[in-house]
């Protein structure tokens, strides 16, 4: 969320790299310090950061509703079907094949993928 407003000032990757270089410095004041160190317009950064936070919060709320309250990770949607937790490849392949079949799309043969 901090890299997005930094990116609006042409410093996305610089901010990204700073954030990942030291993941212990992610408090709101730390983020402002990163912005100052990158010589960003702080007022603009704050405004854009608040907007990004609002967007993330509303997107997160929508996803929780969409998933019926499921909040675990990892998770993936396959054509609207939520698969929670790590699963072996064959589980994903089966679901994808089922979804392709429902839509009348051709399902690749197993031999073709070997």
PDB file of N, CA and C in Angstrom:
ATOM      1  N   UNK A   1       0.824  -1.198   0.000  1.00  0.00           N
ATOM      2  CA  UNK A   1       0.000   0.000   0.000  1.00  0.00           C
ATOM      3  C   UNK A   1       0.864   1.257   0.000  1.00  0.00           C
ATOM      4  N   UNK A   2       2.047   1.196   0.563  1.00  0.00           N
ATOM      5  CA  UNK A   2       2.912   2.374   0.576  1.00  0.00           C
ATOM      6  C   UNK A   2       3.609   2.560  -0.762  1.00  0.00           C
ATOM      7  N   UNK A   3       3.879   1.460  -1.454  1.00  0.00           N
ATOM      8  CA  UNK A   3       4.562   1.571  -2.740  1.00  0.00           C
ATOM      9  C   UNK A   3       3.665   2.200  -3.798  1.00  0.00           C
ATOM     10  N   UNK A   4       2.346   1.991  -3.691  1.00  0.00           N
ATOM     11  CA  UNK A   4       1.433   2.576  -4.671  1.00  0.00           C
ATOM     12  C   UNK A   4       1.486   4.105  -4.666  1.00  0.00           C
ATOM     13  N   UNK A   5       1.318   4.763  -3.515  1.00  0.00           N
ATOM     14  CA  UNK A   5       1.415   6.224  -3.549  1.00  0.00           C
ATOM     15  C   UNK A   5       2.819   6.705  -3.896  1.00  0.00           C
ATOM     16  N   UNK A   6       3.827   5.941  -3.542  1.00  0.00           N
ATOM     17  CA  UNK A   6       5.189   6.310  -3.947  1.00  0.00           C
ATOM     18  C   UNK A   6       5.311   6.228  -5.465  1.00  0.00           C
ATOM     19  N   UNK A   7       4.661   5.219  -6.037  1.00  0.00           N
ATOM     20  CA  UNK A   7       4.680   5.054  -7.486  1.00  0.00           C
ATOM     21  C   UNK A   7       4.042   6.218  -8.217  1.00  0.00           C
ATOM     22  N   UNK A   8       3.036   6.839  -7.597  1.00  0.00           N
ATOM     23  CA  UNK A   8       2.413   8.010  -8.223  1.00  0.00           C
ATOM     24  C   UNK A   8       3.383   9.179  -8.316  1.00  0.00           C
ATOM     25  N   UNK A   9       4.470   9.072  -7.547  1.00  0.00           N
ATOM     26  CA  UNK A   9       5.513  10.100  -7.607  1.00  0.00           C
ATOM     27  C   UNK A   9       6.788   9.546  -8.259  1.00  0.00           C
ATOM     28  N   UNK A  10       6.626   8.433  -8.979  1.00  0.00           N
ATOM     29  CA  UNK A  10       7.746   7.875  -9.739  1.00  0.00           C
ATOM     30  C   UNK A  10       8.739   7.077  -8.918  1.00  0.00           C
ATOM     31  N   UNK A  11       8.357   6.622  -7.723  1.00  0.00           N
ATOM     32  CA  UNK A  11       9.314   5.925  -6.859  1.00  0.00           C
ATOM     33  C   UNK A  11       8.775   4.586  -6.346  1.00  0.00           C
ATOM     34  N   UNK A  12       7.981   3.901  -7.154  1.00  0.00           N
ATOM     35  CA  UNK A  12       7.401   2.630  -6.719  1.00  0.00           C
ATOM     36  C   UNK A  12       8.479   1.644  -6.305  1.00  0.00           C
ATOM     37  N   UNK A  13       9.410   1.360  -7.211  1.00  0.00           N
ATOM     38  CA  UNK A  13      10.405   0.315  -6.940  1.00  0.00           C
ATOM     39  C   UNK A  13      11.360   0.710  -5.830  1.00  0.00           C
ATOM     40  N   UNK A  14      11.702   1.978  -5.756  1.00  0.00           N
ATOM     41  CA  UNK A  14      12.570   2.424  -4.666  1.00  0.00           C
ATOM     42  C   UNK A  14      11.893   2.169  -3.320  1.00  0.00           C
ATOM     43  N   UNK A  15      10.602   2.494  -3.234  1.00  0.00           N
ATOM     44  CA  UNK A  15       9.846   2.265  -2.007  1.00  0.00           C
ATOM     45  C   UNK A  15       9.711   0.760  -1.752  1.00  0.00           C
ATOM     46  N   UNK A  16       9.346   0.027  -2.765  1.00  0.00           N
ATOM     47  CA  UNK A  16       9.208  -1.429  -2.663  1.00  0.00           C
ATOM     48  C   UNK A  16      10.483  -2.043  -2.085  1.00  0.00           C
ATOM     49  N   UNK A  17      11.618  -1.677  -2.646  1.00  0.00           N
ATOM     50  CA  UNK A  17      12.882  -2.258  -2.206  1.00  0.00           C
ATOM     51  C   UNK A  17      13.198  -1.894  -0.758  1.00  0.00           C
ATOM     52  N   UNK A  18      12.896  -0.665  -0.348  1.00  0.00           N
ATOM     53  CA  UNK A  18      13.120  -0.242   1.043  1.00  0.00           C
ATOM     54  C   UNK A  18      12.253  -1.052   1.993  1.00  0.00           C
ATOM     55  N   UNK A  19      10.993  -1.251   1.631  1.00  0.00           N
ATOM     56  CA  UNK A  19      10.073  -1.966   2.498  1.00  0.00           C
ATOM     57  C   UNK A  19      10.492  -3.425   2.688  1.00  0.00           C
ATOM     58  N   UNK A  20      10.945  -4.047   1.631  1.00  0.00           N
ATOM     59  CA  UNK A  20      11.359  -5.444   1.732  1.00  0.00           C
ATOM     60  C   UNK A  20      12.755  -5.599   2.315  1.00  0.00           C
ATOM     61  N   UNK A  21      13.550  -4.561   2.287  1.00  0.00           N
ATOM     62  CA  UNK A  21      14.899  -4.632   2.853  1.00  0.00           C
ATOM     63  C   UNK A  21      14.850  -4.760   4.373  1.00  0.00           C
ATOM     64  N   UNK A  22      13.859  -4.133   5.005  1.00  0.00           N
ATOM     65  CA  UNK A  22      13.729  -4.212   6.462  1.00  0.00           C
ATOM     66  C   UNK A  22      12.254  -4.252   6.814  1.00  0.00           C
ATOM     67  N   UNK A  23      11.731  -5.453   6.975  1.00  0.00           N
ATOM     68  CA  UNK A  23      10.307  -5.629   7.229  1.00  0.00           C
ATOM     69  C   UNK A  23       9.911  -5.301   8.662  1.00  0.00           C
ATOM     70  N   UNK A  24      10.855  -4.853   9.472  1.00  0.00           N
ATOM     71  CA  UNK A  24      10.507  -4.434  10.839  1.00  0.00           C
ATOM     72  C   UNK A  24      10.128  -2.958  10.881  1.00  0.00           C
ATOM     73  N   UNK A  25      10.317  -2.252   9.785  1.00  0.00           N
ATOM     74  CA  UNK A  25      10.033  -0.821   9.735  1.00  0.00           C
ATOM     75  C   UNK A  25       8.827  -0.548   8.840  1.00  0.00           C
ATOM     76  N   UNK A  26       7.654  -0.968   9.330  1.00  0.00           N
ATOM     77  CA  UNK A  26       6.435  -0.832   8.540  1.00  0.00           C
ATOM     78  C   UNK A  26       5.310  -0.112   9.288  1.00  0.00           C
ATOM     79  N   UNK A  27       5.630   0.507  10.405  1.00  0.00           N
ATOM     80  CA  UNK A  27       4.603   1.257  11.137  1.00  0.00           C
ATOM     81  C   UNK A  27       4.239   2.497  10.322  1.00  0.00           C
ATOM     82  N   UNK A  28       3.116   3.126  10.634  1.00  0.00           N
ATOM     83  CA  UNK A  28       2.763   4.352   9.895  1.00  0.00           C
ATOM     84  C   UNK A  28       3.873   5.403   9.918  1.00  0.00           C
ATOM     85  N   UNK A  29       4.521   5.584  11.064  1.00  0.00           N
ATOM     86  CA  UNK A  29       5.612   6.569  11.117  1.00  0.00           C
ATOM     87  C   UNK A  29       6.816   6.105  10.298  1.00  0.00           C
ATOM     88  N   UNK A  30       7.107   4.803  10.310  1.00  0.00           N
ATOM     89  CA  UNK A  30       8.194   4.275   9.482  1.00  0.00           C
ATOM     90  C   UNK A  30       7.920   4.523   7.998  1.00  0.00           C
ATOM     91  N   UNK A  31       6.670   4.313   7.597  1.00  0.00           N
ATOM     92  CA  UNK A  31       6.319   4.522   6.187  1.00  0.00           C
ATOM     93  C   UNK A  31       6.499   5.976   5.796  1.00  0.00           C
ATOM     94  N   UNK A  32       6.121   6.887   6.693  1.00  0.00           N
ATOM     95  CA  UNK A  32       6.338   8.314   6.408  1.00  0.00           C
ATOM     96  C   UNK A  32       7.829   8.622   6.315  1.00  0.00           C
ATOM     97  N   UNK A  33       8.619   7.975   7.169  1.00  0.00           N
ATOM     98  CA  UNK A  33      10.065   8.207   7.105  1.00  0.00           C
ATOM     99  C   UNK A  33      10.635   7.690   5.789  1.00  0.00           C
ATOM    100  N   UNK A  34      10.171   6.537   5.348  1.00  0.00           N
ATOM    101  CA  UNK A  34      10.596   6.026   4.037  1.00  0.00           C
ATOM    102  C   UNK A  34      10.255   7.053   2.954  1.00  0.00           C
ATOM    103  N   UNK A  35       9.068   7.602   3.028  1.00  0.00           N
ATOM    104  CA  UNK A  35       8.639   8.595   2.035  1.00  0.00           C
ATOM    105  C   UNK A  35       9.538   9.829   2.092  1.00  0.00           C
ATOM    106  N   UNK A  36       9.862  10.270   3.293  1.00  0.00           N
ATOM    107  CA  UNK A  36      10.769  11.425   3.419  1.00  0.00           C
ATOM    108  C   UNK A  36      12.139  11.086   2.854  1.00  0.00           C
ATOM    109  N   UNK A  37      12.650   9.908   3.185  1.00  0.00           N
ATOM    110  CA  UNK A  37      13.966   9.498   2.687  1.00  0.00           C
ATOM    111  C   UNK A  37      13.998   9.417   1.166  1.00  0.00           C
ATOM    112  N   UNK A  38      12.863   9.094   0.579  1.00  0.00           N
ATOM    113  CA  UNK A  38      12.764   9.031  -0.884  1.00  0.00           C
ATOM    114  C   UNK A  38      12.465  10.396  -1.499  1.00  0.00           C
ATOM    115  N   UNK A  39      12.381  11.398  -0.646  1.00  0.00           N
ATOM    116  CA  UNK A  39      12.122  12.786  -1.059  1.00  0.00           C
ATOM    117  C   UNK A  39      10.776  12.923  -1.777  1.00  0.00           C
ATOM    118  N   UNK A  40       9.773  12.227  -1.232  1.00  0.00           N
ATOM    119  CA  UNK A  40       8.432  12.339  -1.784  1.00  0.00           C
ATOM    120  C   UNK A  40       7.723  13.540  -1.175  1.00  0.00           C
ATOM    121  N   UNK A  41       6.723  14.023  -1.867  1.00  0.00           N
ATOM    122  CA  UNK A  41       5.830  15.050  -1.332  1.00  0.00           C
ATOM    123  C   UNK A  41       4.986  14.354  -0.262  1.00  0.00           C
ATOM    124  N   UNK A  42       5.258  14.651   1.006  1.00  0.00           N
ATOM    125  CA  UNK A  42       4.638  13.929   2.127  1.00  0.00           C
ATOM    126  C   UNK A  42       3.129  14.127   2.156  1.00  0.00           C
ATOM    127  N   UNK A  43       2.670  15.337   1.910  1.00  0.00           N
ATOM    128  CA  UNK A  43       1.229  15.582   1.932  1.00  0.00           C
ATOM    129  C   UNK A  43       0.530  14.735   0.867  1.00  0.00           C
ATOM    130  N   UNK A  44       1.084  14.719  -0.315  1.00  0.00           N
ATOM    131  CA  UNK A  44       0.516  13.908  -1.397  1.00  0.00           C
ATOM    132  C   UNK A  44       0.608  12.423  -1.055  1.00  0.00           C
ATOM    133  N   UNK A  45       1.744  11.996  -0.481  1.00  0.00           N
ATOM    134  CA  UNK A  45       1.915  10.604  -0.084  1.00  0.00           C
ATOM    135  C   UNK A  45       0.832  10.206   0.915  1.00  0.00           C
ATOM    136  N   UNK A  46       0.610  11.051   1.932  1.00  0.00           N
ATOM    137  CA  UNK A  46      -0.405  10.750   2.942  1.00  0.00           C
ATOM    138  C   UNK A  46      -1.795  10.611   2.327  1.00  0.00           C
ATOM    139  N   UNK A  47      -2.131  11.526   1.430  1.00  0.00           N
ATOM    140  CA  UNK A  47      -3.439  11.489   0.778  1.00  0.00           C
ATOM    141  C   UNK A  47      -3.590  10.226  -0.059  1.00  0.00           C
ATOM    142  N   UNK A  48      -2.568   9.924  -0.862  1.00  0.00           N
ATOM    143  CA  UNK A  48      -2.621   8.741  -1.720  1.00  0.00           C
ATOM    144  C   UNK A  48      -2.586   7.451  -0.898  1.00  0.00           C
ATOM    145  N   UNK A  49      -1.847   7.459   0.210  1.00  0.00           N
ATOM    146  CA  UNK A  49      -1.792   6.287   1.080  1.00  0.00           C
ATOM    147  C   UNK A  49      -3.164   6.018   1.692  1.00  0.00           C
ATOM    148  N   UNK A  50      -3.820   7.061   2.172  1.00  0.00           N
ATOM    149  CA  UNK A  50      -5.162   6.907   2.756  1.00  0.00           C
ATOM    150  C   UNK A  50      -6.124   6.348   1.718  1.00  0.00           C
ATOM    151  N   UNK A  51      -6.024   6.822   0.492  1.00  0.00           N
ATOM    152  CA  UNK A  51      -6.881   6.331  -0.588  1.00  0.00           C
ATOM    153  C   UNK A  51      -6.605   4.856  -0.868  1.00  0.00           C
ATOM    154  N   UNK A  52      -5.329   4.466  -0.886  1.00  0.00           N
ATOM    155  CA  UNK A  52      -4.962   3.065  -1.120  1.00  0.00           C
ATOM    156  C   UNK A  52      -5.457   2.188   0.022  1.00  0.00           C
ATOM    157  N   UNK A  53      -5.374   2.685   1.259  1.00  0.00           N
ATOM    158  CA  UNK A  53      -5.841   1.926   2.422  1.00  0.00           C
ATOM    159  C   UNK A  53      -7.349   1.729   2.365  1.00  0.00           C
ATOM    160  N   UNK A  54      -8.080   2.773   1.977  1.00  0.00           N
ATOM    161  CA  UNK A  54      -9.530   2.658   1.846  1.00  0.00           C
ATOM    162  C   UNK A  54      -9.895   1.633   0.772  1.00  0.00           C
ATOM    163  N   UNK A  55      -9.175   1.679  -0.339  1.00  0.00           N
ATOM    164  CA  UNK A  55      -9.431   0.748  -1.436  1.00  0.00           C
ATOM    165  C   UNK A  55      -9.161  -0.685  -0.982  1.00  0.00           C
ATOM    166  N   UNK A  56      -8.055  -0.905  -0.277  1.00  0.00           N
ATOM    167  CA  UNK A  56      -7.718  -2.242   0.198  1.00  0.00           C
ATOM    168  C   UNK A  56      -8.760  -2.728   1.196  1.00  0.00           C
ATOM    169  N   UNK A  57      -9.208  -1.848   2.093  1.00  0.00           N
ATOM    170  CA  UNK A  57     -10.196  -2.237   3.094  1.00  0.00           C
ATOM    171  C   UNK A  57     -11.502  -2.629   2.415  1.00  0.00           C
ATOM    172  N   UNK A  58     -11.956  -1.849   1.442  1.00  0.00           N
ATOM    173  CA  UNK A  58     -13.218  -2.163   0.782  1.00  0.00           C
ATOM    174  C   UNK A  58     -13.079  -3.425  -0.072  1.00  0.00           C
ATOM    175  N   UNK A  59     -11.930  -3.635  -0.707  1.00  0.00           N
ATOM    176  CA  UNK A  59     -11.700  -4.854  -1.482  1.00  0.00           C
ATOM    177  C   UNK A  59     -11.677  -6.062  -0.558  1.00  0.00           C
ATOM    178  N   UNK A  60     -11.016  -5.935   0.593  1.00  0.00           N
ATOM    179  CA  UNK A  60     -10.966  -7.029   1.549  1.00  0.00           C
ATOM    180  C   UNK A  60     -12.342  -7.389   2.065  1.00  0.00           C
ATOM    181  N   UNK A  61     -13.165  -6.390   2.335  1.00  0.00           N
ATOM    182  CA  UNK A  61     -14.529  -6.637   2.796  1.00  0.00           C
ATOM    183  C   UNK A  61     -15.314  -7.373   1.722  1.00  0.00           C
ATOM    184  N   UNK A  62     -15.194  -6.943   0.492  1.00  0.00           N
ATOM    185  CA  UNK A  62     -15.883  -7.603  -0.620  1.00  0.00           C
ATOM    186  C   UNK A  62     -15.439  -9.053  -0.745  1.00  0.00           C
ATOM    187  N   UNK A  63     -14.136  -9.301  -0.656  1.00  0.00           N
ATOM    188  CA  UNK A  63     -13.647 -10.672  -0.784  1.00  0.00           C
ATOM    189  C   UNK A  63     -14.157 -11.558   0.347  1.00  0.00           C
ATOM    190  N   UNK A  64     -14.199 -11.024   1.579  1.00  0.00           N
ATOM    191  CA  UNK A  64     -14.714 -11.826   2.691  1.00  0.00           C
ATOM    192  C   UNK A  64     -16.177 -12.198   2.455  1.00  0.00           C
ATOM    193  N   UNK A  65     -16.948 -11.229   1.952  1.00  0.00           N
ATOM    194  CA  UNK A  65     -18.349 -11.544   1.643  1.00  0.00           C
ATOM    195  C   UNK A  65     -18.414 -12.582   0.527  1.00  0.00           C
ATOM    196  N   UNK A  66     -17.627 -12.396  -0.489  1.00  0.00           N
ATOM    197  CA  UNK A  66     -17.616 -13.301  -1.645  1.00  0.00           C
ATOM    198  C   UNK A  66     -17.252 -14.715  -1.208  1.00  0.00           C
ATOM    199  N   UNK A  67     -16.323 -14.821  -0.280  1.00  0.00           N
ATOM    200  CA  UNK A  67     -15.861 -16.127   0.172  1.00  0.00           C
ATOM    201  C   UNK A  67     -16.729 -16.686   1.293  1.00  0.00           C
ATOM    202  N   UNK A  68     -17.771 -15.984   1.676  1.00  0.00           N
ATOM    203  CA  UNK A  68     -18.647 -16.481   2.725  1.00  0.00           C
ATOM    204  C   UNK A  68     -17.972 -16.505   4.077  1.00  0.00           C
ATOM    205  N   UNK A  69     -17.103 -15.526   4.324  1.00  0.00           N
ATOM    206  CA  UNK A  69     -16.444 -15.431   5.621  1.00  0.00           C
ATOM    207  C   UNK A  69     -15.150 -16.208   5.721  1.00  0.00           C
ATOM    208  N   UNK A  70     -14.753 -16.882   4.677  1.00  0.00           N
ATOM    209  CA  UNK A  70     -13.500 -17.636   4.715  1.00  0.00           C
ATOM    210  C   UNK A  70     -12.345 -16.641   4.713  1.00  0.00           C
ATOM    211  N   UNK A  71     -11.440 -16.788   5.668  1.00  0.00           N
ATOM    212  CA  UNK A  71     -10.330 -15.840   5.757  1.00  0.00           C
ATOM    213  C   UNK A  71      -8.972 -16.520   5.752  1.00  0.00           C
ATOM    214  N   UNK A  72      -8.932 -17.823   5.512  1.00  0.00           N
ATOM    215  CA  UNK A  72      -7.667 -18.541   5.541  1.00  0.00           C
ATOM    216  C   UNK A  72      -6.845 -18.339   4.293  1.00  0.00           C
ATOM    217  N   UNK A  73      -5.561 -18.534   4.438  1.00  0.00           N
ATOM    218  CA  UNK A  73      -4.658 -18.496   3.304  1.00  0.00           C
ATOM    219  C   UNK A  73      -3.728 -19.695   3.406  1.00  0.00           C
ATOM    220  N   UNK A  74      -3.163 -20.192   2.358  1.00  0.00           N
ATOM    221  CA  UNK A  74      -3.402 -19.691   1.012  1.00  0.00           C
ATOM    222  C   UNK A  74      -4.782 -20.086   0.519  1.00  0.00           C
ATOM    223  N   UNK A  75      -5.218 -19.402  -0.469  1.00  0.00           N
ATOM    224  CA  UNK A  75      -6.501 -19.692  -1.081  1.00  0.00           C
ATOM    225  C   UNK A  75      -6.529 -19.177  -2.498  1.00  0.00           C
ATOM    226  N   UNK A  76      -7.331 -19.807  -3.307  1.00  0.00           N
ATOM    227  CA  UNK A  76      -7.421 -19.408  -4.714  1.00  0.00           C
ATOM    228  C   UNK A  76      -8.848 -19.643  -5.193  1.00  0.00           C
ATOM    229  N   UNK A  77      -9.307 -18.770  -6.082  1.00  0.00           N
ATOM    230  CA  UNK A  77     -10.589 -18.975  -6.741  1.00  0.00           C
ATOM    231  C   UNK A  77     -10.324 -19.561  -8.109  1.00  0.00           C
ATOM    232  N   UNK A  78     -11.054 -20.597  -8.424  1.00  0.00           N
ATOM    233  CA  UNK A  78     -11.003 -21.164  -9.767  1.00  0.00           C
ATOM    234  C   UNK A  78     -12.409 -21.032 -10.325  1.00  0.00           C
ATOM    235  N   UNK A  79     -12.587 -20.057 -11.175  1.00  0.00           N
ATOM    236  CA  UNK A  79     -13.877 -19.782 -11.791  1.00  0.00           C
ATOM    237  C   UNK A  79     -14.978 -19.653 -10.740  1.00  0.00           C
ATOM    238  N   UNK A  80     -14.666 -18.936  -9.653  1.00  0.00           N
ATOM    239  CA  UNK A  80     -15.635 -18.702  -8.598  1.00  0.00           C
ATOM    240  C   UNK A  80     -15.659 -19.746  -7.497  1.00  0.00           C
ATOM    241  N   UNK A  81     -14.942 -20.823  -7.677  1.00  0.00           N
ATOM    242  CA  UNK A  81     -14.864 -21.863  -6.642  1.00  0.00           C
ATOM    243  C   UNK A  81     -13.633 -21.604  -5.782  1.00  0.00           C
ATOM    244  N   UNK A  82     -13.852 -21.487  -4.484  1.00  0.00           N
ATOM    245  CA  UNK A  82     -12.757 -21.190  -3.571  1.00  0.00           C
ATOM    246  C   UNK A  82     -12.100 -22.478  -3.101  1.00  0.00           C
ATOM    247  N   UNK A  83     -10.786 -22.545  -3.243  1.00  0.00           N
ATOM    248  CA  UNK A  83      -9.996 -23.673  -2.753  1.00  0.00           C
ATOM    249  C   UNK A  83      -9.104 -23.120  -1.651  1.00  0.00           C
ATOM    250  N   UNK A  84      -9.335 -23.601  -0.427  1.00  0.00           N
ATOM    251  CA  UNK A  84      -8.598 -23.073   0.722  1.00  0.00           C
ATOM    252  C   UNK A  84      -7.459 -24.004   1.098  1.00  0.00           C
ATOM    253  N   UNK A  85      -6.328 -23.394   1.384  1.00  0.00           N
ATOM    254  CA  UNK A  85      -5.187 -24.156   1.861  1.00  0.00           C
ATOM    255  C   UNK A  85      -4.354 -24.711   0.728  1.00  0.00           C
ATOM    256  N   UNK A  86      -3.169 -25.161   1.067  1.00  0.00           N
ATOM    257  CA  UNK A  86      -2.327 -25.762   0.023  1.00  0.00           C
ATOM    258  C   UNK A  86      -2.922 -27.098  -0.398  1.00  0.00           C
ATOM    259  N   UNK A  87      -2.956 -27.325  -1.670  1.00  0.00           N
ATOM    260  CA  UNK A  87      -3.506 -28.561  -2.219  1.00  0.00           C
ATOM    261  C   UNK A  87      -2.534 -29.106  -3.259  1.00  0.00           C
ATOM    262  N   UNK A  88      -2.541 -30.420  -3.452  1.00  0.00           N
ATOM    263  CA  UNK A  88      -1.695 -30.986  -4.505  1.00  0.00           C
ATOM    264  C   UNK A  88      -2.199 -30.566  -5.886  1.00  0.00           C
ATOM    265  N   UNK A  89      -1.303 -30.614  -6.840  1.00  0.00           N
ATOM    266  CA  UNK A  89      -1.640 -30.201  -8.205  1.00  0.00           C
ATOM    267  C   UNK A  89      -2.865 -30.928  -8.752  1.00  0.00           C
ATOM    268  N   UNK A  90      -3.040 -32.212  -8.422  1.00  0.00           N
ATOM    269  CA  UNK A  90      -4.153 -32.967  -8.998  1.00  0.00           C
ATOM    270  C   UNK A  90      -5.506 -32.427  -8.544  1.00  0.00           C
ATOM    271  N   UNK A  91      -5.575 -31.809  -7.364  1.00  0.00           N
ATOM    272  CA  UNK A  91      -6.834 -31.206  -6.907  1.00  0.00           C
ATOM    273  C   UNK A  91      -7.184 -30.019  -7.805  1.00  0.00           C
ATOM    274  N   UNK A  92      -6.201 -29.178  -8.082  1.00  0.00           N
ATOM    275  CA  UNK A  92      -6.438 -28.033  -8.966  1.00  0.00           C
ATOM    276  C   UNK A  92      -6.789 -28.505 -10.378  1.00  0.00           C
ATOM    277  N   UNK A  93      -6.078 -29.509 -10.863  1.00  0.00           N
ATOM    278  CA  UNK A  93      -6.347 -30.032 -12.212  1.00  0.00           C
ATOM    279  C   UNK A  93      -7.779 -30.562 -12.309  1.00  0.00           C
ATOM    280  N   UNK A  94      -8.219 -31.295 -11.275  1.00  0.00           N
ATOM    281  CA  UNK A  94      -9.578 -31.845 -11.285  1.00  0.00           C
ATOM    282  C   UNK A  94     -10.618 -30.733 -11.332  1.00  0.00           C
ATOM    283  N   UNK A  95     -10.439 -29.699 -10.501  1.00  0.00           N
ATOM    284  CA  UNK A  95     -11.405 -28.589 -10.475  1.00  0.00           C
ATOM    285  C   UNK A  95     -11.416 -27.842 -11.801  1.00  0.00           C
ATOM    286  N   UNK A  96     -10.249 -27.613 -12.354  1.00  0.00           N
ATOM    287  CA  UNK A  96     -10.169 -26.924 -13.647  1.00  0.00           C
ATOM    288  C   UNK A  96     -10.850 -27.756 -14.730  1.00  0.00           C
ATOM    289  N   UNK A  97     -10.594 -29.066 -14.731  1.00  0.00           N
ATOM    290  CA  UNK A  97     -11.251 -29.948 -15.711  1.00  0.00           C
ATOM    291  C   UNK A  97     -12.766 -29.902 -15.555  1.00  0.00           C
ATOM    292  N   UNK A  98     -13.257 -29.914 -14.302  1.00  0.00           N
ATOM    293  CA  UNK A  98     -14.702 -29.844 -14.064  1.00  0.00           C
ATOM    294  C   UNK A  98     -15.283 -28.541 -14.600  1.00  0.00           C
ATOM    295  N   UNK A  99     -14.596 -27.453 -14.366  1.00  0.00           N
ATOM    296  CA  UNK A  99     -15.084 -26.150 -14.831  1.00  0.00           C
ATOM    297  C   UNK A  99     -15.061 -26.077 -16.351  1.00  0.00           C
ATOM    298  N   UNK A 100     -14.032 -26.603 -16.971  1.00  0.00           N
ATOM    299  CA  UNK A 100     -13.981 -26.624 -18.438  1.00  0.00           C
ATOM    300  C   UNK A 100     -15.116 -27.471 -19.004  1.00  0.00           C
ATOM    301  N   UNK A 101     -15.369 -28.615 -18.388  1.00  0.00           N
ATOM    302  CA  UNK A 101     -16.439 -29.507 -18.840  1.00  0.00           C
ATOM    303  C   UNK A 101     -17.792 -28.828 -18.724  1.00  0.00           C
ATOM    304  N   UNK A 102     -18.035 -28.126 -17.614  1.00  0.00           N
ATOM    305  CA  UNK A 102     -19.309 -27.412 -17.429  1.00  0.00           C
ATOM    306  C   UNK A 102     -19.562 -26.416 -18.548  1.00  0.00           C
ATOM    307  N   UNK A 103     -18.513 -25.851 -19.077  1.00  0.00           N
ATOM    308  CA  UNK A 103     -18.644 -24.821 -20.103  1.00  0.00           C
ATOM    309  C   UNK A 103     -18.520 -25.372 -21.520  1.00  0.00           C
ATOM    310  N   UNK A 104     -18.405 -26.680 -21.610  1.00  0.00           N
ATOM    311  CA  UNK A 104     -18.318 -27.294 -22.928  1.00  0.00           C
ATOM    312  C   UNK A 104     -16.982 -27.087 -23.606  1.00  0.00           C
ATOM    313  N   UNK A 105     -15.998 -26.677 -22.830  1.00  0.00           N
ATOM    314  CA  UNK A 105     -14.659 -26.491 -23.395  1.00  0.00           C
ATOM    315  C   UNK A 105     -13.918 -27.828 -23.379  1.00  0.00           C
ATOM    316  N   UNK A 106     -13.025 -27.987 -24.288  1.00  0.00           N
ATOM    317  CA  UNK A 106     -12.265 -29.221 -24.333  1.00  0.00           C
ATOM    318  C   UNK A 106     -11.333 -29.339 -23.128  1.00  0.00           C
ATOM    319  N   UNK A 107     -11.282 -30.517 -22.568  1.00  0.00           N
ATOM    320  CA  UNK A 107     -10.368 -30.800 -21.469  1.00  0.00           C
ATOM    321  C   UNK A 107      -9.138 -31.469 -22.064  1.00  0.00           C
ATOM    322  N   UNK A 108      -7.951 -30.891 -21.839  1.00  0.00           N
ATOM    323  CA  UNK A 108      -6.742 -31.488 -22.409  1.00  0.00           C
ATOM    324  C   UNK A 108      -6.560 -32.912 -21.904  1.00  0.00           C
ATOM    325  N   UNK A 109      -6.095 -33.760 -22.795  1.00  0.00           N
ATOM    326  CA  UNK A 109      -5.861 -35.151 -22.379  1.00  0.00           C
ATOM    327  C   UNK A 109      -4.647 -35.200 -21.474  1.00  0.00           C
ATOM    328  N   UNK A 110      -4.651 -36.175 -20.591  1.00  0.00           N
ATOM    329  CA  UNK A 110      -3.522 -36.338 -19.652  1.00  0.00           C
ATOM    330  C   UNK A 110      -2.237 -36.629 -20.408  1.00  0.00           C
ATOM    331  N   UNK A 111      -2.342 -37.364 -21.502  1.00  0.00           N
ATOM    332  CA  UNK A 111      -1.159 -37.720 -22.284  1.00  0.00           C
ATOM    333  C   UNK A 111      -0.511 -36.488 -22.907  1.00  0.00           C
ATOM    334  N   UNK A 112      -1.341 -35.488 -23.259  1.00  0.00           N
ATOM    335  CA  UNK A 112      -0.806 -34.287 -23.898  1.00  0.00           C
ATOM    336  C   UNK A 112       0.045 -33.472 -22.941  1.00  0.00           C
ATOM    337  N   UNK A 113      -0.204 -33.583 -21.639  1.00  0.00           N
ATOM    338  CA  UNK A 113       0.551 -32.784 -20.692  1.00  0.00           C
ATOM    339  C   UNK A 113       1.817 -33.466 -20.225  1.00  0.00           C
ATOM    340  N   UNK A 114       2.021 -34.730 -20.621  1.00  0.00           N
ATOM    341  CA  UNK A 114       3.236 -35.468 -20.206  1.00  0.00           C
ATOM    342  C   UNK A 114       4.329 -35.350 -21.208  1.00  0.00           C
TER     343      UNK A 114
END
